[in-house]
Amino acid sequence: MHQRLTDTRCLIPHLEKMKSQLGKLPGTVIADAGYGGEENYDYLEQNEVSAIVKYGIYHREKSKAWQNR
């Protein structure tokens, strides 16, 4: 995909480019936590794209320190 410090802002433009080239969006998107963000989740939901995208603090929430708060 793209190498940027904040991947969050490049998911939608990337998918829009795919849509313009292929005529449709993919049925499913798989991305790492760098692409997790409310705007991206909303976009994917509104466009009926299934998504497997971790949110930014997923791993932190799974840590023992977080759970023992």
C-alpha atoms as a PDB file:
ATOM      1  CA  MET A   1       0.000   0.000   0.000  1.00  0.00           C
ATOM      2  CA  HIS A   2       1.517   3.317   1.095  1.00  0.00           C
ATOM      3  CA  GLN A   3       4.340   4.153   3.474  1.00  0.00           C
ATOM      4  CA  ARG A   4       3.221   7.105   5.598  1.00  0.00           C
ATOM      5  CA  LEU A   5       3.646   8.030   9.209  1.00  0.00           C
ATOM      6  CA  THR A   6      -0.095   8.026   9.655  1.00  0.00           C
ATOM      7  CA  ASP A   7      -1.626   5.282   7.582  1.00  0.00           C
ATOM      8  CA  THR A   8      -5.051   6.217   8.927  1.00  0.00           C
ATOM      9  CA  ARG A   9      -5.435   8.998   6.375  1.00  0.00           C
ATOM     10  CA  CYS A  10      -4.500   6.983   3.293  1.00  0.00           C
ATOM     11  CA  LEU A  11      -6.985   4.080   3.490  1.00  0.00           C
ATOM     12  CA  ILE A  12      -9.956   5.951   2.011  1.00  0.00           C
ATOM     13  CA  PRO A  13      -7.993   7.565  -0.868  1.00  0.00           C
ATOM     14  CA  HIS A  14      -6.447   4.190  -1.656  1.00  0.00           C
ATOM     15  CA  LEU A  15      -9.846   2.479  -1.731  1.00  0.00           C
ATOM     16  CA  GLU A  16     -11.342   5.301  -3.818  1.00  0.00           C
ATOM     17  CA  LYS A  17      -8.514   4.850  -6.344  1.00  0.00           C
ATOM     18  CA  MET A  18      -9.213   1.106  -6.453  1.00  0.00           C
ATOM     19  CA  LYS A  19     -12.912   1.849  -6.959  1.00  0.00           C
ATOM     20  CA  SER A  20     -12.192   4.202  -9.869  1.00  0.00           C
ATOM     21  CA  GLN A  21      -9.860   1.686 -11.526  1.00  0.00           C
ATOM     22  CA  LEU A  22     -11.883  -1.484 -10.897  1.00  0.00           C
ATOM     23  CA  GLY A  23     -15.380  -0.028 -10.901  1.00  0.00           C
ATOM     24  CA  LYS A  24     -16.135  -1.302  -7.395  1.00  0.00           C
ATOM     25  CA  LEU A  25     -14.721  -1.656  -3.930  1.00  0.00           C
ATOM     26  CA  PRO A  26     -13.435  -4.989  -2.650  1.00  0.00           C
ATOM     27  CA  GLY A  27     -15.855  -7.050  -0.595  1.00  0.00           C
ATOM     28  CA  THR A  28     -13.421  -7.344   2.305  1.00  0.00           C
ATOM     29  CA  VAL A  29     -10.495  -5.258   3.542  1.00  0.00           C
ATOM     30  CA  ILE A  30      -7.821  -6.596   5.887  1.00  0.00           C
ATOM     31  CA  ALA A  31      -5.473  -4.035   7.411  1.00  0.00           C
ATOM     32  CA  ASP A  32      -3.266  -3.567  10.456  1.00  0.00           C
ATOM     33  CA  ALA A  33      -3.945  -1.203  13.338  1.00  0.00           C
ATOM     34  CA  GLY A  34      -2.263   1.685  11.507  1.00  0.00           C
ATOM     35  CA  TYR A  35      -5.392   1.931   9.367  1.00  0.00           C
ATOM     36  CA  GLY A  36      -7.811   1.766  12.286  1.00  0.00           C
ATOM     37  CA  GLY A  37      -9.737   4.962  12.819  1.00  0.00           C
ATOM     38  CA  GLU A  38     -13.330   6.087  13.213  1.00  0.00           C
ATOM     39  CA  GLU A  39     -13.440   7.764   9.799  1.00  0.00           C
ATOM     40  CA  ASN A  40     -12.183   4.588   8.100  1.00  0.00           C
ATOM     41  CA  TYR A  41     -14.603   2.359  10.003  1.00  0.00           C
ATOM     42  CA  ASP A  42     -17.497   4.654   9.017  1.00  0.00           C
ATOM     43  CA  TYR A  43     -16.407   4.677   5.371  1.00  0.00           C
ATOM     44  CA  LEU A  44     -16.163   0.888   5.247  1.00  0.00           C
ATOM     45  CA  GLU A  45     -19.553   0.445   6.927  1.00  0.00           C
ATOM     46  CA  GLN A  46     -21.301   2.988   4.687  1.00  0.00           C
ATOM     47  CA  ASN A  47     -19.861   1.275   1.608  1.00  0.00           C
ATOM     48  CA  GLU A  48     -20.806  -2.188   2.904  1.00  0.00           C
ATOM     49  CA  VAL A  49     -17.208  -3.411   2.893  1.00  0.00           C
ATOM     50  CA  SER A  50     -16.443  -6.155   5.398  1.00  0.00           C
ATOM     51  CA  ALA A  51     -13.396  -5.186   7.389  1.00  0.00           C
ATOM     52  CA  ILE A  52     -10.816  -6.823   9.565  1.00  0.00           C
ATOM     53  CA  VAL A  53      -8.981  -3.774  10.881  1.00  0.00           C
ATOM     54  CA  LYS A  54      -7.594  -3.573  14.396  1.00  0.00           C
ATOM     55  CA  TYR A  55      -8.032  -0.319  16.235  1.00  0.00           C
ATOM     56  CA  GLY A  56      -5.012   1.606  17.488  1.00  0.00           C
ATOM     57  CA  ILE A  57      -4.929   0.479  21.126  1.00  0.00           C
ATOM     58  CA  TYR A  58      -5.985  -3.138  20.542  1.00  0.00           C
ATOM     59  CA  HIS A  59      -2.717  -4.662  21.784  1.00  0.00           C
ATOM     60  CA  ARG A  60      -2.508  -2.295  24.736  1.00  0.00           C
ATOM     61  CA  GLU A  61      -6.032  -3.270  25.838  1.00  0.00           C
ATOM     62  CA  LYS A  62      -5.053  -6.953  25.708  1.00  0.00           C
ATOM     63  CA  SER A  63      -2.049  -6.461  28.008  1.00  0.00           C
ATOM     64  CA  LYS A  64      -2.175  -7.547  31.650  1.00  0.00           C
ATOM     65  CA  ALA A  65      -1.332  -4.017  32.807  1.00  0.00           C
ATOM     66  CA  TRP A  66      -4.394  -2.617  31.004  1.00  0.00           C
ATOM     67  CA  GLN A  67      -6.705  -5.361  32.253  1.00  0.00           C
ATOM     68  CA  ASN A  68      -5.519  -4.965  35.869  1.00  0.00           C
ATOM     69  CA  ARG A  69      -6.455  -1.270  35.998  1.00  0.00           C
END
